[in-house]
């Protein structure tokens, strides 16, 4: 293109530039509204994101002290400014009424009007959602038994969060936020998203297991209406009773026109019971397994493999001890996750480490890439298990 000229000849807009033929040129000029226009920025998009933007299905999220992210309904993208050493000229669409050209003076030189010189553009890079903050927010005021049976919860709603409050505070797409709430076993109570106090969760699960034995119900065929009705009679609110089914059971029959059917999820129930036993601290593994199997309902089998990513074992002299170390308590940011892991143990065998890193997700970086970036692998012999330490 030619150097920017004073505005002469026929004024053309972006259409004139788009119509340039190969090996041809067009003169450009300052638009009458030329200026810095700091409210205008270029955004470079992957073609797959174009429909989301054109149909206004994207939002910018982040607090004033955070870097903004762009969220589609299902993914989160960091917004990065990338400068350019070349001159990028922004030419607006032409105003047909003021082009200054008509059929009588077509011989005039066509000039494209530049409204802004752009120093760079914004690029989008897919990132993992920042949902660690979600647990921090919801853990401030967990829902307790006392609140459920009294008017305590009506005194104040300070520190509680509705859906829109969470959307405003978290850098995550709607789909990622819903997944985060599900991972925390959160439930909506009176319009606010809450997590239940551990003691309250223990209480309702114990009552559910007690009612199953008392009424001789099959753990693989639990009638929703019956379960909810009995738990309500035991003093639990209806929505909490249903929440218990969703947390500890799997739906086996939608029950169109009749009550839905559920079955206890063996792993979820067994893991919860194991956590409850180990809440007091380390325990000899033989003592723990005996207590654990006594608490597990008939028809279920407690298997130590269920506790991958939930507990760790350590040798103290000739004895093996077990203690709680849950992956759900660890941050989702890889650097922070590995830092905590290597503070817990300077060296990890792969069979122990794998449950604590397999849920790490970094767009564009594989699991092997994460290990290469944050760990140092050693393997004395080809037959021995690899050992990982901090890089």
Protein backbone atom coordinates (compact mmCIF):
# COMPACT_ATOMS: atom_id res chain seq x y z
CA UNK A 1 0.00 0.00 0.00
CA UNK A 2 1.01 3.61 -0.48
CA UNK A 3 1.94 6.08 2.26
CA UNK A 4 -0.97 7.66 4.11
CA UNK A 5 -2.01 10.78 2.22
CA UNK A 6 -4.24 13.74 2.96
CA UNK A 7 -7.80 12.72 2.09
CA UNK A 8 -8.29 13.32 -1.65
CA UNK A 9 -10.25 11.68 -4.42
CA UNK A 10 -13.00 9.16 -3.74
CA UNK A 11 -13.25 8.10 -0.11
CA UNK A 12 -13.41 4.32 0.24
CA UNK A 13 -13.85 2.06 3.21
CA UNK A 14 -12.91 -1.51 4.07
CA UNK A 15 -14.79 -2.74 1.01
CA UNK A 16 -12.29 -1.01 -1.26
CA UNK A 17 -9.37 -2.76 0.43
CA UNK A 18 -11.06 -6.14 0.36
CA UNK A 19 -11.52 -5.76 -3.38
CA UNK A 20 -7.83 -5.20 -4.15
CA UNK A 21 -6.57 -7.50 -6.85
CA UNK A 22 -3.16 -9.24 -6.71
CA UNK A 23 -0.21 -7.01 -7.72
CA UNK A 24 -2.33 -3.87 -7.42
CA UNK A 25 -2.34 -1.06 -4.86
CA UNK A 26 -4.61 1.54 -3.31
CA UNK A 27 -3.89 4.90 -1.75
CA UNK A 28 -4.83 5.47 1.85
CA UNK A 29 -5.64 8.65 3.74
CA UNK A 30 -6.48 9.85 7.22
CA UNK A 31 -10.14 9.49 8.05
CA UNK A 32 -11.84 12.64 9.30
CA UNK A 33 -12.20 10.86 12.68
CA UNK A 34 -8.63 9.53 12.77
CA UNK A 35 -7.23 9.21 16.29
CA UNK A 36 -6.02 6.81 18.99
CA UNK A 37 -9.50 5.36 19.61
CA UNK A 38 -8.43 3.50 22.74
CA UNK A 39 -11.91 1.98 22.96
CA UNK A 40 -11.21 -0.05 19.80
CA UNK A 41 -9.02 -3.15 19.93
CA UNK A 42 -8.42 -6.01 17.54
CA UNK A 43 -9.10 -9.55 18.68
CA UNK A 44 -7.63 -12.48 16.78
CA UNK A 45 -9.90 -15.53 16.87
CA UNK A 46 -9.61 -19.17 16.02
CA UNK A 47 -12.25 -19.96 13.43
CA UNK A 48 -14.02 -22.37 15.80
CA UNK A 49 -14.62 -19.50 18.24
CA UNK A 50 -16.10 -17.16 15.66
CA UNK A 51 -19.71 -18.43 16.01
CA UNK A 52 -19.54 -18.03 19.79
CA UNK A 53 -18.51 -14.38 19.44
CA UNK A 54 -20.91 -13.52 16.61
CA UNK A 55 -23.83 -15.01 18.52
CA UNK A 56 -22.79 -13.18 21.71
CA UNK A 57 -22.13 -16.35 23.69
CA UNK A 58 -18.92 -15.07 25.29
CA UNK A 59 -18.26 -13.01 28.41
CA UNK A 60 -15.23 -11.34 29.96
CA UNK A 61 -14.72 -12.34 33.59
CA UNK A 62 -12.37 -11.37 36.38
CA UNK A 63 -12.15 -9.07 39.37
CA UNK A 64 -10.46 -5.63 39.12
CA UNK A 65 -7.23 -7.05 40.57
CA UNK A 66 -7.17 -10.04 38.19
CA UNK A 67 -6.27 -10.49 34.54
CA UNK A 68 -9.41 -10.74 32.45
CA UNK A 69 -10.39 -14.03 30.86
CA UNK A 70 -12.84 -14.67 28.05
CA UNK A 71 -15.34 -17.46 28.64
CA UNK A 72 -17.48 -19.34 26.16
CA UNK A 73 -20.27 -21.52 27.59
CA UNK A 74 -17.77 -24.37 28.09
CA UNK A 75 -14.15 -23.06 28.04
CA UNK A 76 -11.93 -20.36 29.49
CA UNK A 77 -9.32 -18.33 27.58
CA UNK A 78 -6.61 -16.00 28.79
CA UNK A 79 -6.60 -12.68 26.92
CA UNK A 80 -3.08 -11.68 25.90
CA UNK A 81 -1.96 -8.50 24.13
CA UNK A 82 0.57 -9.18 21.37
CA UNK A 83 2.37 -6.20 19.88
CA UNK A 84 3.51 -5.96 16.29
CA UNK A 85 6.37 -4.10 14.65
CA UNK A 86 4.34 -3.69 11.44
CA UNK A 87 1.77 -0.96 10.95
CA UNK A 88 -1.73 -2.39 11.15
CA UNK A 89 -4.28 0.07 9.78
CA UNK A 90 -7.91 -0.02 10.80
CA UNK A 91 -10.23 1.01 7.98
CA UNK A 92 -13.93 1.26 8.84
CA UNK A 93 -16.76 0.35 6.44
CA UNK A 94 -17.53 3.15 4.03
CA UNK A 95 -20.36 5.58 4.58
CA UNK A 96 -22.19 5.23 1.25
CA UNK A 97 -23.66 8.71 1.55
CA UNK A 98 -20.31 10.45 1.84
CA UNK A 99 -17.93 8.48 -0.33
CA UNK A 100 -17.43 11.40 -2.67
CA UNK A 101 -17.65 9.19 -5.78
CA UNK A 102 -20.41 8.59 -8.28
CA UNK A 103 -20.78 7.31 -11.78
CA UNK A 104 -19.91 10.74 -13.22
CA UNK A 105 -16.47 10.94 -11.63
CA UNK A 106 -15.40 7.30 -11.53
CA UNK A 107 -12.03 8.35 -12.86
CA UNK A 108 -11.12 9.85 -9.50
CA UNK A 109 -8.50 7.94 -7.52
CA UNK A 110 -9.99 5.61 -4.87
CA UNK A 111 -8.62 6.35 -1.40
CA UNK A 112 -9.15 4.14 1.67
CA UNK A 113 -9.65 6.12 4.92
CA UNK A 114 -7.66 4.96 7.96
CA UNK A 115 -9.29 5.65 11.32
CA UNK A 116 -6.62 4.13 13.61
CA UNK A 117 -3.10 2.66 13.56
CA UNK A 118 -3.16 -0.50 15.67
CA UNK A 119 -0.02 -1.39 17.70
CA UNK A 120 -1.06 -5.04 18.14
CA UNK A 121 -4.00 -7.27 18.88
CA UNK A 122 -5.49 -9.40 21.61
CA UNK A 123 -5.02 -13.17 21.36
CA UNK A 124 -6.87 -15.93 23.18
CA UNK A 125 -5.07 -18.86 24.81
CA UNK A 126 -7.14 -21.66 26.32
CA UNK A 127 -6.41 -22.07 30.04
CA UNK A 128 -7.65 -24.21 32.88
CA UNK A 129 -10.49 -22.59 34.85
CA UNK A 130 -9.55 -21.01 38.17
CA UNK A 131 -12.00 -22.86 40.40
CA UNK A 132 -9.86 -23.27 43.54
CA UNK A 133 -11.44 -20.04 44.72
CA UNK A 134 -14.85 -21.74 44.62
CA UNK A 135 -14.02 -24.08 47.50
CA UNK A 136 -12.58 -21.17 49.48
CA UNK A 137 -15.77 -19.14 49.05
CA UNK A 138 -18.18 -21.94 49.87
CA UNK A 139 -16.13 -23.24 52.81
CA UNK A 140 -16.51 -19.99 54.72
CA UNK A 141 -20.05 -20.82 55.84
CA UNK A 142 -20.89 -24.50 55.33
CA UNK A 143 -24.49 -25.58 55.86
CA UNK A 144 -24.84 -27.19 59.28
CA UNK A 145 -27.44 -29.28 61.08
CA UNK A 146 -28.10 -26.34 63.40
CA UNK A 147 -28.90 -24.08 60.48
CA UNK A 148 -31.17 -26.70 58.93
CA UNK A 149 -33.36 -27.08 62.04
CA UNK A 150 -33.47 -23.44 63.14
CA UNK A 151 -33.89 -19.94 61.82
CA UNK A 152 -30.15 -19.35 62.14
CA UNK A 153 -29.74 -19.17 58.37
CA UNK A 154 -32.28 -16.37 58.11
CA UNK A 155 -30.29 -14.00 60.29
CA UNK A 156 -27.88 -13.01 57.56
CA UNK A 157 -26.97 -13.92 54.01
CA UNK A 158 -23.56 -12.28 54.25
CA UNK A 159 -20.86 -14.58 52.95
CA UNK A 160 -23.30 -16.65 50.90
CA UNK A 161 -23.30 -16.76 47.10
CA UNK A 162 -25.96 -17.06 44.44
CA UNK A 163 -25.13 -18.34 40.95
CA UNK A 164 -24.62 -14.82 39.58
CA UNK A 165 -22.29 -14.00 42.50
CA UNK A 166 -20.10 -16.99 41.66
CA UNK A 167 -20.08 -16.14 37.95
CA UNK A 168 -18.93 -12.64 38.84
CA UNK A 169 -16.12 -13.84 41.12
CA UNK A 170 -14.73 -16.87 39.30
CA UNK A 171 -12.68 -17.08 36.12
CA UNK A 172 -14.46 -20.08 34.66
CA UNK A 173 -17.09 -20.83 32.05
CA UNK A 174 -20.60 -21.78 33.13
CA UNK A 175 -19.99 -25.45 32.31
CA UNK A 176 -16.70 -25.48 34.24
CA UNK A 177 -18.34 -23.74 37.19
CA UNK A 178 -21.16 -26.31 37.29
CA UNK A 179 -18.57 -29.10 37.21
CA UNK A 180 -16.73 -27.42 40.09
CA UNK A 181 -19.93 -27.22 42.15
CA UNK A 182 -20.64 -30.89 41.46
CA UNK A 183 -17.08 -31.85 42.45
CA UNK A 184 -17.61 -30.12 45.80
CA UNK A 185 -21.04 -31.79 46.26
CA UNK A 186 -22.54 -28.31 46.52
CA UNK A 187 -26.30 -27.85 46.69
CA UNK A 188 -28.53 -24.83 46.06
CA UNK A 189 -30.42 -23.88 49.24
CA UNK A 190 -32.83 -20.92 49.18
CA UNK A 191 -31.09 -19.63 46.05
CA UNK A 192 -27.58 -19.84 47.54
CA UNK A 193 -24.93 -22.46 46.68
CA UNK A 194 -23.69 -24.24 49.80
CA UNK A 195 -21.52 -27.18 50.79
CA UNK A 196 -22.67 -29.25 53.74
CA UNK A 197 -20.67 -29.45 56.94
CA UNK A 198 -18.75 -32.77 57.22
CA UNK A 199 -20.59 -33.69 60.42
CA UNK A 200 -23.94 -33.06 58.74
CA UNK A 201 -22.95 -35.20 55.73
CA UNK A 202 -21.87 -37.99 58.10
CA UNK A 203 -25.14 -37.72 59.96
CA UNK A 204 -27.38 -38.00 56.90
CA UNK A 205 -25.38 -40.85 55.33
CA UNK A 206 -25.43 -42.78 58.62
CA UNK A 207 -29.19 -42.26 58.81
CA UNK A 208 -29.64 -43.40 55.21
CA UNK A 209 -27.65 -46.59 55.87
CA UNK A 210 -29.59 -47.16 59.10
CA UNK A 211 -32.94 -46.76 57.30
CA UNK A 212 -31.84 -49.18 54.57
CA UNK A 213 -31.16 -51.86 57.21
CA UNK A 214 -34.28 -51.02 59.23
CA UNK A 215 -36.59 -51.25 56.22
CA UNK A 216 -34.74 -54.15 54.57
CA UNK A 217 -34.26 -52.16 51.35
CA UNK A 218 -31.96 -53.36 48.60
CA UNK A 219 -28.93 -51.09 48.20
CA UNK A 220 -29.35 -51.52 44.43
CA UNK A 221 -33.03 -50.54 44.28
CA UNK A 222 -33.80 -47.51 46.44
CA UNK A 223 -37.12 -45.82 45.79
CA UNK A 224 -36.61 -42.04 45.79
CA UNK A 225 -40.02 -41.19 47.27
CA UNK A 226 -39.61 -43.73 50.05
CA UNK A 227 -36.07 -42.64 50.88
CA UNK A 228 -36.88 -38.93 50.88
CA UNK A 229 -40.03 -39.49 52.91
CA UNK A 230 -38.21 -41.48 55.60
CA UNK A 231 -35.31 -39.00 55.79
CA UNK A 232 -37.80 -36.14 56.11
CA UNK A 233 -39.44 -38.01 59.00
CA UNK A 234 -35.95 -38.30 60.53
CA UNK A 235 -35.69 -34.51 60.53
CA UNK A 236 -33.81 -33.76 57.31
CA UNK A 237 -35.18 -31.15 54.86
CA UNK A 238 -36.49 -32.56 51.58
CA UNK A 239 -33.86 -30.88 49.41
CA UNK A 240 -31.06 -32.20 51.66
CA UNK A 241 -32.51 -35.72 51.48
CA UNK A 242 -32.52 -35.55 47.68
CA UNK A 243 -28.99 -34.16 47.74
CA UNK A 244 -27.87 -37.17 49.77
CA UNK A 245 -29.16 -39.47 47.03
CA UNK A 246 -27.32 -37.47 44.36
CA UNK A 247 -24.03 -37.54 46.30
CA UNK A 248 -23.96 -41.19 47.40
CA UNK A 249 -26.11 -42.93 44.80
CA UNK A 250 -26.45 -43.45 41.06
CA UNK A 251 -29.82 -43.20 39.36
CA UNK A 252 -30.77 -46.49 37.71
CA UNK A 253 -34.29 -45.60 36.54
CA UNK A 254 -35.62 -42.14 35.70
CA UNK A 255 -39.10 -43.26 36.75
CA UNK A 256 -41.38 -41.48 34.24
CA UNK A 257 -44.68 -41.00 36.05
CA UNK A 258 -43.40 -42.92 39.09
CA UNK A 259 -40.63 -42.51 41.63
CA UNK A 260 -37.03 -42.74 40.39
CA UNK A 261 -34.87 -45.65 41.50
CA UNK A 262 -31.32 -45.32 42.84
CA UNK A 263 -28.49 -47.59 43.98
CA UNK A 264 -25.74 -46.84 46.46
CA UNK A 265 -22.41 -46.05 44.81
CA UNK A 266 -19.98 -48.46 46.44
CA UNK A 267 -16.84 -46.38 46.02
CA UNK A 268 -18.36 -43.06 47.16
CA UNK A 269 -19.89 -44.61 50.27
CA UNK A 270 -16.73 -46.54 51.18
CA UNK A 271 -14.47 -43.52 50.65
CA UNK A 272 -16.70 -41.33 52.83
CA UNK A 273 -16.65 -43.91 55.62
CA UNK A 274 -12.86 -44.20 55.36
CA UNK A 275 -12.46 -40.43 55.62
CA UNK A 276 -14.67 -40.37 58.70
CA UNK A 277 -12.55 -43.04 60.40
CA UNK A 278 -9.25 -41.28 59.58
CA UNK A 279 -10.37 -37.78 60.55
CA UNK A 280 -8.74 -38.31 63.93
CA UNK A 281 -5.28 -38.79 62.44
CA UNK A 282 -2.89 -41.58 61.47
CA UNK A 283 -3.85 -45.16 62.18
CA UNK A 284 -2.18 -48.53 61.91
CA UNK A 285 -3.33 -50.02 58.64
CA UNK A 286 -4.62 -53.24 60.22
CA UNK A 287 -6.73 -51.30 62.72
CA UNK A 288 -8.06 -48.99 60.01
CA UNK A 289 -9.07 -51.80 57.65
CA UNK A 290 -10.87 -53.64 60.43
CA UNK A 291 -12.85 -50.54 61.45
CA UNK A 292 -13.54 -49.66 57.83
CA UNK A 293 -14.94 -53.06 56.89
CA UNK A 294 -17.15 -53.08 59.98
CA UNK A 295 -18.75 -49.77 58.91
CA UNK A 296 -19.29 -50.72 55.27
CA UNK A 297 -22.91 -51.85 54.60
CA UNK A 298 -23.73 -55.46 53.79
CA UNK A 299 -23.57 -56.06 50.06
CA UNK A 300 -20.57 -53.76 49.64
CA UNK A 301 -16.89 -54.66 49.62
CA UNK A 302 -14.24 -52.27 50.95
CA UNK A 303 -11.17 -52.41 48.73
CA UNK A 304 -8.01 -50.43 49.51
CA UNK A 305 -7.69 -49.53 45.82
CA UNK A 306 -10.79 -47.38 46.27
CA UNK A 307 -8.69 -45.02 48.36
CA UNK A 308 -6.25 -44.02 45.60
CA UNK A 309 -5.82 -40.28 45.83
CA UNK A 310 -7.50 -40.23 49.25
CA UNK A 311 -4.98 -41.70 51.67
CA UNK A 312 -1.25 -42.34 51.92
CA UNK A 313 0.69 -45.07 53.70
CA UNK A 314 4.00 -44.69 55.45
CA UNK A 315 6.38 -47.02 57.23
CA UNK A 316 7.21 -46.25 60.85
CA UNK A 317 9.68 -48.88 61.93
CA UNK A 318 8.21 -52.26 61.16
CA UNK A 319 4.61 -50.98 61.05
CA UNK A 320 2.56 -49.44 58.24
CA UNK A 321 0.34 -46.45 59.03
CA UNK A 322 -2.33 -44.79 56.92
CA UNK A 323 -3.51 -41.17 56.96
CA UNK A 324 -5.75 -38.82 54.97
CA UNK A 325 -4.22 -36.98 52.02
CA UNK A 326 -7.00 -36.22 49.54
CA UNK A 327 -6.43 -34.99 46.00
CA UNK A 328 -9.59 -32.89 46.36
CA UNK A 329 -7.77 -30.73 48.94
CA UNK A 330 -4.93 -29.90 46.54
CA UNK A 331 -4.82 -26.83 44.26
CA UNK A 332 -5.57 -27.27 40.57
CA UNK A 333 -2.62 -25.11 39.46
CA UNK A 334 0.24 -27.49 38.50
CA UNK A 335 3.03 -25.46 40.10
CA UNK A 336 1.17 -25.23 43.41
CA UNK A 337 0.07 -28.88 43.25
CA UNK A 338 3.60 -30.22 42.74
CA UNK A 339 4.99 -27.89 45.40
CA UNK A 340 2.64 -29.35 48.01
CA UNK A 341 3.26 -32.91 46.84
CA UNK A 342 7.02 -32.60 47.20
CA UNK A 343 6.67 -30.96 50.61
CA UNK A 344 4.66 -34.02 51.65
CA UNK A 345 7.23 -36.40 50.18
CA UNK A 346 10.59 -35.49 48.61
CA UNK A 347 10.37 -38.60 46.41
CA UNK A 348 7.34 -40.36 44.96
CA UNK A 349 6.99 -43.72 43.31
CA UNK A 350 4.78 -43.53 40.24
CA UNK A 351 2.04 -45.75 41.69
CA UNK A 352 1.67 -43.27 44.58
CA UNK A 353 2.07 -40.08 42.55
CA UNK A 354 -0.24 -40.91 39.65
CA UNK A 355 -3.56 -40.56 41.56
CA UNK A 356 -2.53 -37.04 42.62
CA UNK A 357 -1.66 -35.71 39.17
CA UNK A 358 -3.98 -37.49 36.73
CA UNK A 359 -6.72 -34.86 37.05
CA UNK A 360 -4.39 -31.95 36.25
CA UNK A 361 -5.47 -30.29 33.01
CA UNK A 362 -3.40 -27.70 31.18
CA UNK A 363 -4.57 -26.97 27.62
CA UNK A 364 -1.79 -27.62 25.15
CA UNK A 365 0.33 -29.58 27.63
CA UNK A 366 0.12 -33.38 27.99
CA UNK A 367 0.48 -35.32 31.23
CA UNK A 368 3.99 -36.29 30.16
CA UNK A 369 4.77 -32.64 29.51
CA UNK A 370 3.63 -31.71 33.01
CA UNK A 371 5.90 -34.33 34.53
CA UNK A 372 8.85 -33.14 32.46
CA UNK A 373 8.24 -29.55 33.51
CA UNK A 374 7.79 -30.05 37.24
CA UNK A 375 9.54 -33.30 38.16
CA UNK A 376 12.83 -35.12 37.78
CA UNK A 377 12.53 -38.83 36.96
CA UNK A 378 15.05 -41.43 38.06
CA UNK A 379 15.01 -45.17 37.40
CA UNK A 380 18.03 -47.09 38.72
CA UNK A 381 17.27 -50.19 36.66
CA UNK A 382 14.95 -51.01 33.78
CA UNK A 383 12.93 -53.30 36.06
CA UNK A 384 12.56 -50.86 38.96
CA UNK A 385 9.68 -48.43 39.41
CA UNK A 386 10.45 -44.82 38.35
CA UNK A 387 10.86 -42.33 41.17
CA UNK A 388 9.93 -38.63 40.84
CA UNK A 389 11.43 -35.72 42.74
CA UNK A 390 11.15 -31.94 42.42
CA UNK A 391 12.85 -30.34 39.44
